[in-house]
Structures are given as C-alpha cells and as structure tokens.
C-alpha cells in the first residue's frame, strides 16, 4: 500500500467541479445608478517632498453624479507642527488667480474650504520649504452626494 503524505486525504473531496462556471460578480449597468445618497467624504492623498523642498498633491471627486460639498481641508507633513513649510491651495490650476487658501504652517494646519466640487475639479496643494523626504498629506472633510443602484 502506498504511503500517503500527512495532510493529504484520499477519501475527501476538495472542491466540487462546477462545470467551469464563471465566479465573477454580477455586473450592474451604469444606468442602474439613479438613487442619490449623501455621505461623508473619505478622501485624502499623500506624497513625498522632493529634493528642492516642494511637493504637489491633487485631489477631487470622481465618478458620474458625484458632488463634494467641502467644509475644510487638513494639510500636514510627517515633521508635524515644527515644520516651517508653506502650503498653498489652488482650485483646478496652479495660477495666482486660482489660490483658495494658504498657510505658513504647512506642517499641520486646518483650512476652511467651503466649495462645491464635481468630477473634473481638482484641489491642488503645493508645499514649499518642506523638509526633504517628508511625507505630506491632504485630507478633505465635508459631505458628498453619490449615486447608488439601490434605494436607501
């Protein structure tokens, strides 16, 4: 009689043959997303400060029918409040006419940012004079309106 390795059971059936059926989840057509739901924004971005002490991050709503109603933005670096960096917020383009917020405490600060945003809009954060190699982050707070396929 042949020796059976430990853990191998000849009498037990491992997985039933299902005939090659696909195990993909059901595809929901885009036109089924017609119900609106309001929920908190859970969105942020992170990056690394370059050798010249600058970093740029962008964030914005994505998905058809999504709208953000922002209330504030939190900017930070891994050095924290001791960081002497400056952070400037731009809406959609890095131009002087598009500045919507600025702080001399780019290491950790909360800025009021009350705007409606839709897909295609970008909030761009630019750090200057930050510590090289630091992790920078931006977090948006507020509510969002999104589409769902099932009524809530």
Protein backbone atom coordinates (compact mmCIF):
# COMPACT_ATOMS: atom_id res chain seq x y z
CA UNK A 1 0.00 0.00 0.00
CA UNK A 2 1.41 3.41 -0.98
CA UNK A 3 2.28 5.86 1.77
CA UNK A 4 0.04 8.98 1.88
CA UNK A 5 1.79 12.25 2.90
CA UNK A 6 0.47 14.00 6.01
CA UNK A 7 -2.36 16.42 5.21
CA UNK A 8 -3.41 14.60 2.04
CA UNK A 9 -6.68 12.74 2.41
CA UNK A 10 -7.56 10.46 -0.46
CA UNK A 11 -11.11 9.91 0.64
CA UNK A 12 -12.06 13.60 0.99
CA UNK A 13 -13.22 15.59 -2.00
CA UNK A 14 -11.58 19.02 -2.06
CA UNK A 15 -13.70 21.22 -4.32
CA UNK A 16 -16.73 20.22 -6.30
CA UNK A 17 -16.41 20.58 -10.06
CA UNK A 18 -18.96 23.22 -11.08
CA UNK A 19 -18.56 22.74 -14.79
CA UNK A 20 -16.45 25.83 -15.42
CA UNK A 21 -18.98 28.44 -14.38
CA UNK A 22 -17.64 31.94 -14.01
CA UNK A 23 -17.26 33.21 -10.46
CA UNK A 24 -17.32 36.88 -11.49
CA UNK A 25 -19.67 39.12 -9.55
CA UNK A 26 -22.84 40.32 -11.18
CA UNK A 27 -22.28 43.34 -13.46
CA UNK A 28 -24.52 46.28 -12.65
CA UNK A 29 -25.15 48.52 -15.68
CA UNK A 30 -24.26 52.19 -15.26
CA UNK A 31 -27.83 53.28 -16.00
CA UNK A 32 -28.96 51.47 -12.83
CA UNK A 33 -27.20 54.07 -10.64
CA UNK A 34 -30.07 56.52 -10.22
CA UNK A 35 -30.53 56.85 -6.45
CA UNK A 36 -28.65 59.64 -4.68
CA UNK A 37 -27.11 59.16 -1.26
CA UNK A 38 -25.39 61.74 0.93
CA UNK A 39 -22.36 60.54 2.89
CA UNK A 40 -19.18 61.90 4.48
CA UNK A 41 -16.16 62.41 2.25
CA UNK A 42 -13.45 59.83 2.95
CA UNK A 43 -10.72 61.12 0.69
CA UNK A 44 -7.08 62.06 1.01
CA UNK A 45 -3.77 61.99 -0.81
CA UNK A 46 -0.13 61.54 0.20
CA UNK A 47 3.23 62.22 -1.37
CA UNK A 48 6.94 62.69 -0.66
CA UNK A 49 8.79 66.02 -0.53
CA UNK A 50 11.30 66.36 -3.38
CA UNK A 51 14.96 67.41 -3.05
CA UNK A 52 14.06 71.08 -3.59
CA UNK A 53 11.68 71.08 -0.60
CA UNK A 54 8.49 71.14 -2.66
CA UNK A 55 5.60 68.74 -3.07
CA UNK A 56 2.36 68.89 -5.04
CA UNK A 57 -0.77 66.80 -4.43
CA UNK A 58 -4.15 66.94 -6.16
CA UNK A 59 -7.49 65.55 -5.09
CA UNK A 60 -11.07 65.76 -6.34
CA UNK A 61 -14.34 63.91 -6.71
CA UNK A 62 -14.54 61.02 -9.15
CA UNK A 63 -17.46 59.17 -10.67
CA UNK A 64 -20.53 60.23 -12.59
CA UNK A 65 -23.03 62.08 -10.44
CA UNK A 66 -20.62 62.62 -7.55
CA UNK A 67 -20.52 66.08 -5.94
CA UNK A 68 -18.46 67.21 -2.99
CA UNK A 69 -19.67 69.83 -0.53
CA UNK A 70 -16.42 70.51 1.31
CA UNK A 71 -16.09 72.29 4.64
CA UNK A 72 -12.39 72.08 5.50
CA UNK A 73 -9.03 70.77 4.36
CA UNK A 74 -6.29 69.39 6.61
CA UNK A 75 -2.69 69.66 5.37
CA UNK A 76 0.23 68.05 7.17
CA UNK A 77 3.79 66.78 6.92
CA UNK A 78 5.43 63.97 8.82
CA UNK A 79 7.58 66.55 10.70
CA UNK A 80 4.38 67.98 12.16
CA UNK A 81 3.90 71.49 13.57
CA UNK A 82 7.67 72.05 13.90
CA UNK A 83 7.93 72.07 10.08
CA UNK A 84 8.37 75.62 8.72
CA UNK A 85 6.85 74.86 5.32
CA UNK A 86 4.22 76.86 3.49
CA UNK A 87 1.22 75.26 1.77
CA UNK A 88 -0.90 76.93 -0.90
CA UNK A 89 -4.24 75.54 -2.13
CA UNK A 90 -5.29 76.08 -5.75
CA UNK A 91 -8.57 75.19 -7.40
CA UNK A 92 -8.26 73.49 -10.83
CA UNK A 93 -5.00 75.16 -11.91
CA UNK A 94 -1.76 76.38 -10.37
CA UNK A 95 -2.21 80.09 -11.02
CA UNK A 96 -2.24 83.12 -8.77
CA UNK A 97 -5.86 83.79 -9.67
CA UNK A 98 -6.85 80.28 -8.54
CA UNK A 99 -5.50 80.45 -4.94
CA UNK A 100 -8.25 79.44 -2.48
CA UNK A 101 -6.18 79.05 0.68
CA UNK A 102 -2.71 79.47 2.11
CA UNK A 103 -0.94 78.67 5.37
CA UNK A 104 2.52 79.36 6.74
CA UNK A 105 2.11 76.23 8.91
CA UNK A 106 2.21 73.54 6.22
CA UNK A 107 3.43 71.00 8.78
CA UNK A 108 -0.04 70.78 10.29
CA UNK A 109 -2.99 73.10 9.74
CA UNK A 110 -6.73 73.11 9.09
CA UNK A 111 -8.03 75.46 6.42
CA UNK A 112 -11.64 76.43 5.85
CA UNK A 113 -12.61 75.39 2.33
CA UNK A 114 -16.30 75.78 1.52
CA UNK A 115 -16.77 74.87 -2.14
CA UNK A 116 -18.94 72.64 -4.28
CA UNK A 117 -16.85 70.34 -6.46
CA UNK A 118 -17.82 67.97 -9.25
CA UNK A 119 -15.83 65.40 -11.27
CA UNK A 120 -13.09 67.20 -13.16
CA UNK A 121 -12.49 69.76 -10.40
CA UNK A 122 -9.17 69.45 -8.61
CA UNK A 123 -7.95 70.83 -5.33
CA UNK A 124 -4.17 71.20 -5.67
CA UNK A 125 -1.93 71.58 -2.61
CA UNK A 126 1.65 72.87 -3.08
CA UNK A 127 4.22 72.77 -0.29
CA UNK A 128 7.34 74.97 -0.34
CA UNK A 129 10.32 74.92 2.05
CA UNK A 130 9.33 71.49 3.46
CA UNK A 131 11.85 69.00 4.85
CA UNK A 132 13.28 66.78 2.12
CA UNK A 133 11.88 63.23 2.26
CA UNK A 134 8.93 64.12 4.49
CA UNK A 135 5.55 62.56 3.85
CA UNK A 136 2.94 65.24 3.00
CA UNK A 137 -0.79 64.65 3.14
CA UNK A 138 -4.04 66.40 2.39
CA UNK A 139 -7.45 65.33 3.70
CA UNK A 140 -10.79 66.79 2.61
CA UNK A 141 -13.72 66.92 5.04
CA UNK A 142 -17.37 67.52 4.22
CA UNK A 143 -20.26 65.69 2.57
CA UNK A 144 -20.59 64.10 -0.81
CA UNK A 145 -23.54 63.27 -2.98
CA UNK A 146 -23.03 59.99 -4.85
CA UNK A 147 -25.14 57.64 -6.95
CA UNK A 148 -26.11 54.13 -5.91
CA UNK A 149 -28.07 51.37 -7.62
CA UNK A 150 -30.27 50.52 -4.63
CA UNK A 151 -32.65 52.86 -2.85
CA UNK A 152 -31.52 53.81 0.62
